[in-house]
Structures are given as structure tokens and as C-alpha cells.
PDB file of all heavy atoms in Angstrom:
ATOM      1  N   ALA A   1       0.835  -1.195   0.000  1.00  0.00           N
ATOM      2  CA  ALA A   1       0.000   0.000   0.000  1.00  0.00           C
ATOM      3  C   ALA A   1       0.872   1.248   0.000  1.00  0.00           C
ATOM      4  O   ALA A   1       1.871   1.324   0.713  1.00  0.00           O
ATOM      5  CB  ALA A   1      -0.923   0.001   1.212  1.00  0.00           C
ATOM      6  N   GLY A   2       0.471   2.210  -0.813  1.00  0.00           N
ATOM      7  CA  GLY A   2       1.252   3.420  -0.971  1.00  0.00           C
ATOM      8  C   GLY A   2       2.245   3.368  -2.103  1.00  0.00           C
ATOM      9  O   GLY A   2       2.815   4.409  -2.470  1.00  0.00           O
ATOM     10  N   GLY A   3       2.443   2.204  -2.671  1.00  0.00           N
ATOM     11  CA  GLY A   3       3.373   2.049  -3.767  1.00  0.00           C
ATOM     12  C   GLY A   3       2.776   2.437  -5.099  1.00  0.00           C
ATOM     13  O   GLY A   3       1.637   2.895  -5.192  1.00  0.00           O
ATOM     14  N   SER A   4       3.562   2.227  -6.148  1.00  0.00           N
ATOM     15  CA  SER A   4       3.171   2.640  -7.489  1.00  0.00           C
ATOM     16  C   SER A   4       3.415   1.539  -8.499  1.00  0.00           C
ATOM     17  O   SER A   4       4.310   0.707  -8.340  1.00  0.00           O
ATOM     18  CB  SER A   4       3.962   3.881  -7.922  1.00  0.00           C
ATOM     19  OG  SER A   4       3.710   4.993  -7.079  1.00  0.00           O
ATOM     20  N   LEU A   5       2.611   1.563  -9.543  1.00  0.00           N
ATOM     21  CA  LEU A   5       2.798   0.707 -10.704  1.00  0.00           C
ATOM     22  C   LEU A   5       2.446   1.507 -11.944  1.00  0.00           C
ATOM     23  O   LEU A   5       1.658   2.451 -11.879  1.00  0.00           O
ATOM     24  CB  LEU A   5       1.913  -0.536 -10.647  1.00  0.00           C
ATOM     25  CG  LEU A   5       2.271  -1.632  -9.653  1.00  0.00           C
ATOM     26  CD1 LEU A   5       1.146  -2.659  -9.592  1.00  0.00           C
ATOM     27  CD2 LEU A   5       3.577  -2.309 -10.041  1.00  0.00           C
ATOM     28  N   ARG A   6       3.012   1.120 -13.057  1.00  0.00           N
ATOM     29  CA  ARG A   6       2.699   1.738 -14.339  1.00  0.00           C
ATOM     30  C   ARG A   6       2.275   0.655 -15.312  1.00  0.00           C
ATOM     31  O   ARG A   6       3.061  -0.237 -15.649  1.00  0.00           O
ATOM     32  CB  ARG A   6       3.903   2.499 -14.882  1.00  0.00           C
ATOM     33  CG  ARG A   6       3.655   3.242 -16.205  1.00  0.00           C
ATOM     34  CD  ARG A   6       4.875   4.071 -16.584  1.00  0.00           C
ATOM     35  NE  ARG A   6       4.702   4.829 -17.803  1.00  0.00           N
ATOM     36  CZ  ARG A   6       5.137   4.429 -19.002  1.00  0.00           C
ATOM     37  NH1 ARG A   6       5.755   3.264 -19.144  1.00  0.00           N
ATOM     38  NH2 ARG A   6       4.942   5.207 -20.067  1.00  0.00           N
ATOM     39  N   LEU A   7       1.048   0.734 -15.762  1.00  0.00           N
ATOM     40  CA  LEU A   7       0.509  -0.213 -16.716  1.00  0.00           C
ATOM     41  C   LEU A   7       0.642   0.329 -18.128  1.00  0.00           C
ATOM     42  O   LEU A   7       0.586   1.538 -18.358  1.00  0.00           O
ATOM     43  CB  LEU A   7      -0.966  -0.503 -16.435  1.00  0.00           C
ATOM     44  CG  LEU A   7      -1.341  -0.963 -15.026  1.00  0.00           C
ATOM     45  CD1 LEU A   7      -2.835  -1.268 -14.970  1.00  0.00           C
ATOM     46  CD2 LEU A   7      -0.522  -2.168 -14.601  1.00  0.00           C
ATOM     47  N   SER A   8       0.798  -0.561 -19.066  1.00  0.00           N
ATOM     48  CA  SER A   8       0.812  -0.171 -20.461  1.00  0.00           C
ATOM     49  C   SER A   8      -0.049  -1.137 -21.259  1.00  0.00           C
ATOM     50  O   SER A   8      -0.266  -2.284 -20.862  1.00  0.00           O
ATOM     51  CB  SER A   8       2.232  -0.126 -21.029  1.00  0.00           C
ATOM     52  OG  SER A   8       2.832  -1.411 -21.000  1.00  0.00           O
ATOM     53  N   CYS A   9      -0.533  -0.663 -22.378  1.00  0.00           N
ATOM     54  CA  CYS A   9      -1.359  -1.478 -23.262  1.00  0.00           C
ATOM     55  C   CYS A   9      -1.078  -1.058 -24.689  1.00  0.00           C
ATOM     56  O   CYS A   9      -1.287   0.107 -25.054  1.00  0.00           O
ATOM     57  CB  CYS A   9      -2.837  -1.295 -22.930  1.00  0.00           C
ATOM     58  SG  CYS A   9      -3.961  -2.154 -24.055  1.00  0.00           S
ATOM     59  N   LYS A  10      -0.618  -1.994 -25.481  1.00  0.00           N
ATOM     60  CA  LYS A  10      -0.315  -1.726 -26.873  1.00  0.00           C
ATOM     61  C   LYS A  10      -1.396  -2.321 -27.765  1.00  0.00           C
ATOM     62  O   LYS A  10      -1.752  -3.497 -27.611  1.00  0.00           O
ATOM     63  CB  LYS A  10       1.040  -2.310 -27.253  1.00  0.00           C
ATOM     64  CG  LYS A  10       1.447  -2.012 -28.689  1.00  0.00           C
ATOM     65  CD  LYS A  10       2.841  -2.520 -28.979  1.00  0.00           C
ATOM     66  CE  LYS A  10       3.219  -2.291 -30.433  1.00  0.00           C
ATOM     67  NZ  LYS A  10       3.184  -0.856 -30.801  1.00  0.00           N
ATOM     68  N   ALA A  11      -1.895  -1.514 -28.662  1.00  0.00           N
ATOM     69  CA  ALA A  11      -2.896  -1.959 -29.620  1.00  0.00           C
ATOM     70  C   ALA A  11      -2.241  -2.324 -30.938  1.00  0.00           C
ATOM     71  O   ALA A  11      -1.315  -1.647 -31.404  1.00  0.00           O
ATOM     72  CB  ALA A  11      -3.939  -0.868 -29.848  1.00  0.00           C
ATOM     73  N   SER A  12      -2.718  -3.385 -31.527  1.00  0.00           N
ATOM     74  CA  SER A  12      -2.219  -3.805 -32.831  1.00  0.00           C
ATOM     75  C   SER A  12      -3.391  -4.278 -33.677  1.00  0.00           C
ATOM     76  O   SER A  12      -4.507  -4.433 -33.195  1.00  0.00           O
ATOM     77  CB  SER A  12      -1.163  -4.909 -32.690  1.00  0.00           C
ATOM     78  OG  SER A  12      -1.699  -6.052 -32.047  1.00  0.00           O
ATOM     79  N   GLY A  13      -3.123  -4.522 -34.934  1.00  0.00           N
ATOM     80  CA  GLY A  13      -4.175  -4.908 -35.846  1.00  0.00           C
ATOM     81  C   GLY A  13      -4.822  -3.689 -36.464  1.00  0.00           C
ATOM     82  O   GLY A  13      -4.142  -2.739 -36.851  1.00  0.00           O
ATOM     83  N   ASP A  14      -6.144  -3.690 -36.532  1.00  0.00           N
ATOM     84  CA  ASP A  14      -6.891  -2.606 -37.166  1.00  0.00           C
ATOM     85  C   ASP A  14      -7.090  -1.458 -36.184  1.00  0.00           C
ATOM     86  O   ASP A  14      -8.210  -1.156 -35.761  1.00  0.00           O
ATOM     87  CB  ASP A  14      -8.231  -3.134 -37.661  1.00  0.00           C
ATOM     88  CG  ASP A  14      -8.983  -2.115 -38.495  1.00  0.00           C
ATOM     89  OD1 ASP A  14      -8.368  -1.122 -38.939  1.00  0.00           O
ATOM     90  OD2 ASP A  14     -10.193  -2.310 -38.714  1.00  0.00           O
ATOM     91  N   THR A  15      -6.001  -0.801 -35.839  1.00  0.00           N
ATOM     92  CA  THR A  15      -6.047   0.234 -34.804  1.00  0.00           C
ATOM     93  C   THR A  15      -6.628   1.551 -35.292  1.00  0.00           C
ATOM     94  O   THR A  15      -6.899   2.435 -34.481  1.00  0.00           O
ATOM     95  CB  THR A  15      -4.651   0.486 -34.230  1.00  0.00           C
ATOM     96  OG1 THR A  15      -3.773   0.947 -35.264  1.00  0.00           O
ATOM     97  CG2 THR A  15      -4.084  -0.794 -33.630  1.00  0.00           C
ATOM     98  N   GLY A  16      -6.813   1.710 -36.580  1.00  0.00           N
ATOM     99  CA  GLY A  16      -7.363   2.948 -37.103  1.00  0.00           C
ATOM    100  C   GLY A  16      -8.776   3.239 -36.640  1.00  0.00           C
ATOM    101  O   GLY A  16      -9.216   4.390 -36.674  1.00  0.00           O
ATOM    102  N   SER A  17      -9.483   2.228 -36.206  1.00  0.00           N
ATOM    103  CA  SER A  17     -10.856   2.407 -35.747  1.00  0.00           C
ATOM    104  C   SER A  17     -10.956   2.886 -34.308  1.00  0.00           C
ATOM    105  O   SER A  17     -12.046   3.204 -33.841  1.00  0.00           O
ATOM    106  CB  SER A  17     -11.637   1.098 -35.898  1.00  0.00           C
ATOM    107  OG  SER A  17     -11.074   0.080 -35.094  1.00  0.00           O
ATOM    108  N   ILE A  18      -9.846   2.942 -33.600  1.00  0.00           N
ATOM    109  CA  ILE A  18      -9.854   3.291 -32.184  1.00  0.00           C
ATOM    110  C   ILE A  18      -9.852   4.811 -32.025  1.00  0.00           C
ATOM    111  O   ILE A  18      -8.970   5.492 -32.536  1.00  0.00           O
ATOM    112  CB  ILE A  18      -8.642   2.691 -31.454  1.00  0.00           C
ATOM    113  CG1 ILE A  18      -8.624   1.170 -31.594  1.00  0.00           C
ATOM    114  CG2 ILE A  18      -8.664   3.101 -29.990  1.00  0.00           C
ATOM    115  CD1 ILE A  18      -7.359   0.528 -31.052  1.00  0.00           C
ATOM    116  N   ASN A  19     -10.813   5.314 -31.288  1.00  0.00           N
ATOM    117  CA  ASN A  19     -10.862   6.731 -30.945  1.00  0.00           C
ATOM    118  C   ASN A  19     -10.591   6.991 -29.470  1.00  0.00           C
ATOM    119  O   ASN A  19     -10.231   8.110 -29.100  1.00  0.00           O
ATOM    120  CB  ASN A  19     -12.215   7.321 -31.315  1.00  0.00           C
ATOM    121  CG  ASN A  19     -12.407   7.434 -32.806  1.00  0.00           C
ATOM    122  OD1 ASN A  19     -11.540   7.947 -33.515  1.00  0.00           O
ATOM    123  ND2 ASN A  19     -13.534   6.955 -33.307  1.00  0.00           N
ATOM    124  N   CYS A  20     -10.773   5.993 -28.652  1.00  0.00           N
ATOM    125  CA  CYS A  20     -10.595   6.159 -27.221  1.00  0.00           C
ATOM    126  C   CYS A  20     -10.084   4.854 -26.627  1.00  0.00           C
ATOM    127  O   CYS A  20     -10.449   3.766 -27.084  1.00  0.00           O
ATOM    128  CB  CYS A  20     -11.914   6.554 -26.562  1.00  0.00           C
ATOM    129  SG  CYS A  20     -11.756   7.299 -24.929  1.00  0.00           S
ATOM    130  N   MET A  21      -9.246   4.974 -25.628  1.00  0.00           N
ATOM    131  CA  MET A  21      -8.756   3.822 -24.899  1.00  0.00           C
ATOM    132  C   MET A  21      -9.116   3.977 -23.437  1.00  0.00           C
ATOM    133  O   MET A  21      -9.059   5.074 -22.883  1.00  0.00           O
ATOM    134  CB  MET A  21      -7.241   3.678 -25.034  1.00  0.00           C
ATOM    135  CG  MET A  21      -6.763   3.392 -26.453  1.00  0.00           C
ATOM    136  SD  MET A  21      -7.143   1.690 -26.970  1.00  0.00           S
ATOM    137  CE  MET A  21      -6.006   0.771 -25.930  1.00  0.00           C
ATOM    138  N   GLY A  22      -9.475   2.882 -22.816  1.00  0.00           N
ATOM    139  CA  GLY A  22      -9.854   2.910 -21.419  1.00  0.00           C
ATOM    140  C   GLY A  22      -9.202   1.809 -20.619  1.00  0.00           C
ATOM    141  O   GLY A  22      -8.737   0.804 -21.161  1.00  0.00           O
ATOM    142  N   TRP A  23      -9.136   2.033 -19.325  1.00  0.00           N
ATOM    143  CA  TRP A  23      -8.689   1.027 -18.377  1.00  0.00           C
ATOM    144  C   TRP A  23      -9.854   0.650 -17.475  1.00  0.00           C
ATOM    145  O   TRP A  23     -10.567   1.524 -16.966  1.00  0.00           O
ATOM    146  CB  TRP A  23      -7.526   1.536 -17.519  1.00  0.00           C
ATOM    147  CG  TRP A  23      -6.229   1.600 -18.242  1.00  0.00           C
ATOM    148  CD1 TRP A  23      -5.645   2.684 -18.811  1.00  0.00           C
ATOM    149  CD2 TRP A  23      -5.328   0.499 -18.462  1.00  0.00           C
ATOM    150  NE1 TRP A  23      -4.446   2.349 -19.378  1.00  0.00           N
ATOM    151  CE2 TRP A  23      -4.222   1.014 -19.183  1.00  0.00           C
ATOM    152  CE3 TRP A  23      -5.349  -0.851 -18.130  1.00  0.00           C
ATOM    153  CZ2 TRP A  23      -3.145   0.218 -19.568  1.00  0.00           C
ATOM    154  CZ3 TRP A  23      -4.288  -1.652 -18.512  1.00  0.00           C
ATOM    155  CH2 TRP A  23      -3.201  -1.115 -19.220  1.00  0.00           C
ATOM    156  N   PHE A  24     -10.024  -0.634 -17.276  1.00  0.00           N
ATOM    157  CA  PHE A  24     -11.063  -1.177 -16.428  1.00  0.00           C
ATOM    158  C   PHE A  24     -10.430  -2.169 -15.467  1.00  0.00           C
ATOM    159  O   PHE A  24      -9.320  -2.651 -15.697  1.00  0.00           O
ATOM    160  CB  PHE A  24     -12.150  -1.861 -17.267  1.00  0.00           C
ATOM    161  CG  PHE A  24     -12.872  -0.922 -18.189  1.00  0.00           C
ATOM    162  CD1 PHE A  24     -12.295  -0.500 -19.378  1.00  0.00           C
ATOM    163  CD2 PHE A  24     -14.133  -0.442 -17.863  1.00  0.00           C
ATOM    164  CE1 PHE A  24     -12.953   0.378 -20.228  1.00  0.00           C
ATOM    165  CE2 PHE A  24     -14.802   0.429 -18.699  1.00  0.00           C
ATOM    166  CZ  PHE A  24     -14.212   0.839 -19.878  1.00  0.00           C
ATOM    167  N   ARG A  25     -11.149  -2.477 -14.414  1.00  0.00           N
ATOM    168  CA  ARG A  25     -10.633  -3.462 -13.479  1.00  0.00           C
ATOM    169  C   ARG A  25     -11.770  -4.320 -12.949  1.00  0.00           C
ATOM    170  O   ARG A  25     -12.923  -3.910 -12.911  1.00  0.00           O
ATOM    171  CB  ARG A  25      -9.883  -2.799 -12.331  1.00  0.00           C
ATOM    172  CG  ARG A  25     -10.742  -1.936 -11.417  1.00  0.00           C
ATOM    173  CD  ARG A  25      -9.868  -1.198 -10.416  1.00  0.00           C
ATOM    174  NE  ARG A  25     -10.649  -0.381  -9.497  1.00  0.00           N
ATOM    175  CZ  ARG A  25     -10.120   0.442  -8.606  1.00  0.00           C
ATOM    176  NH1 ARG A  25      -8.792   0.569  -8.510  1.00  0.00           N
ATOM    177  NH2 ARG A  25     -10.919   1.154  -7.802  1.00  0.00           N
ATOM    178  N   GLN A  26     -11.412  -5.507 -12.539  1.00  0.00           N
ATOM    179  CA  GLN A  26     -12.383  -6.426 -11.982  1.00  0.00           C
ATOM    180  C   GLN A  26     -11.734  -7.232 -10.871  1.00  0.00           C
ATOM    181  O   GLN A  26     -10.744  -7.929 -11.092  1.00  0.00           O
ATOM    182  CB  GLN A  26     -12.940  -7.358 -13.058  1.00  0.00           C
ATOM    183  CG  GLN A  26     -14.092  -8.215 -12.580  1.00  0.00           C
ATOM    184  CD  GLN A  26     -14.833  -8.885 -13.724  1.00  0.00           C
ATOM    185  OE1 GLN A  26     -14.276  -9.081 -14.800  1.00  0.00           O
ATOM    186  NE2 GLN A  26     -16.077  -9.227 -13.498  1.00  0.00           N
ATOM    187  N   ALA A  27     -12.302  -7.110  -9.689  1.00  0.00           N
ATOM    188  CA  ALA A  27     -11.871  -7.897  -8.546  1.00  0.00           C
ATOM    189  C   ALA A  27     -12.774  -9.111  -8.416  1.00  0.00           C
ATOM    190  O   ALA A  27     -13.921  -9.098  -8.876  1.00  0.00           O
ATOM    191  CB  ALA A  27     -11.920  -7.054  -7.278  1.00  0.00           C
ATOM    192  N   PRO A  28     -12.302 -10.174  -7.775  1.00  0.00           N
ATOM    193  CA  PRO A  28     -13.132 -11.365  -7.616  1.00  0.00           C
ATOM    194  C   PRO A  28     -14.471 -11.048  -6.960  1.00  0.00           C
ATOM    195  O   PRO A  28     -14.524 -10.365  -5.936  1.00  0.00           O
ATOM    196  CB  PRO A  28     -12.283 -12.270  -6.721  1.00  0.00           C
ATOM    197  CG  PRO A  28     -10.877 -11.857  -7.017  1.00  0.00           C
ATOM    198  CD  PRO A  28     -10.952 -10.366  -7.223  1.00  0.00           C
ATOM    199  N   GLY A  29     -15.542 -11.521  -7.565  1.00  0.00           N
ATOM    200  CA  GLY A  29     -16.870 -11.307  -7.039  1.00  0.00           C
ATOM    201  C   GLY A  29     -17.475  -9.959  -7.354  1.00  0.00           C
ATOM    202  O   GLY A  29     -18.618  -9.702  -6.953  1.00  0.00           O
ATOM    203  N   ASN A  30     -16.758  -9.108  -8.046  1.00  0.00           N
ATOM    204  CA  ASN A  30     -17.243  -7.775  -8.369  1.00  0.00           C
ATOM    205  C   ASN A  30     -17.439  -7.608  -9.870  1.00  0.00           C
ATOM    206  O   ASN A  30     -16.880  -8.343 -10.677  1.00  0.00           O
ATOM    207  CB  ASN A  30     -16.271  -6.707  -7.862  1.00  0.00           C
ATOM    208  CG  ASN A  30     -16.149  -6.679  -6.358  1.00  0.00           C
ATOM    209  OD1 ASN A  30     -15.063  -6.840  -5.818  1.00  0.00           O
ATOM    210  ND2 ASN A  30     -17.278  -6.491  -5.679  1.00  0.00           N
ATOM    211  N   GLU A  31     -18.235  -6.615 -10.213  1.00  0.00           N
ATOM    212  CA  GLU A  31     -18.430  -6.285 -11.606  1.00  0.00           C
ATOM    213  C   GLU A  31     -17.215  -5.535 -12.147  1.00  0.00           C
ATOM    214  O   GLU A  31     -16.445  -4.932 -11.401  1.00  0.00           O
ATOM    215  CB  GLU A  31     -19.682  -5.420 -11.778  1.00  0.00           C
ATOM    216  CG  GLU A  31     -20.975  -6.107 -11.388  1.00  0.00           C
ATOM    217  CD  GLU A  31     -22.189  -5.222 -11.582  1.00  0.00           C
ATOM    218  OE1 GLU A  31     -22.011  -4.024 -11.891  1.00  0.00           O
ATOM    219  OE2 GLU A  31     -23.315  -5.721 -11.428  1.00  0.00           O
TER     220      GLU A  31
END
């Protein structure tokens, strides 16, 4: 707790259709 992480996500393929990128998360038992 209190620490840091840096996530990255690279898109490939037909990336021209992408206008927005988002980050989502899911914990066990949660939406």
C-alpha cells in the first residue's frame, strides 16, 4: 500500500478504428 505501478497497453491490428482507450478493473466477485 502506498506504492506505485505503471501499466501499459499496446494496440495492434486494425487500430485505425480506435478513438478512445480505457482502463477497467475487476476484482473477484465484483463487476
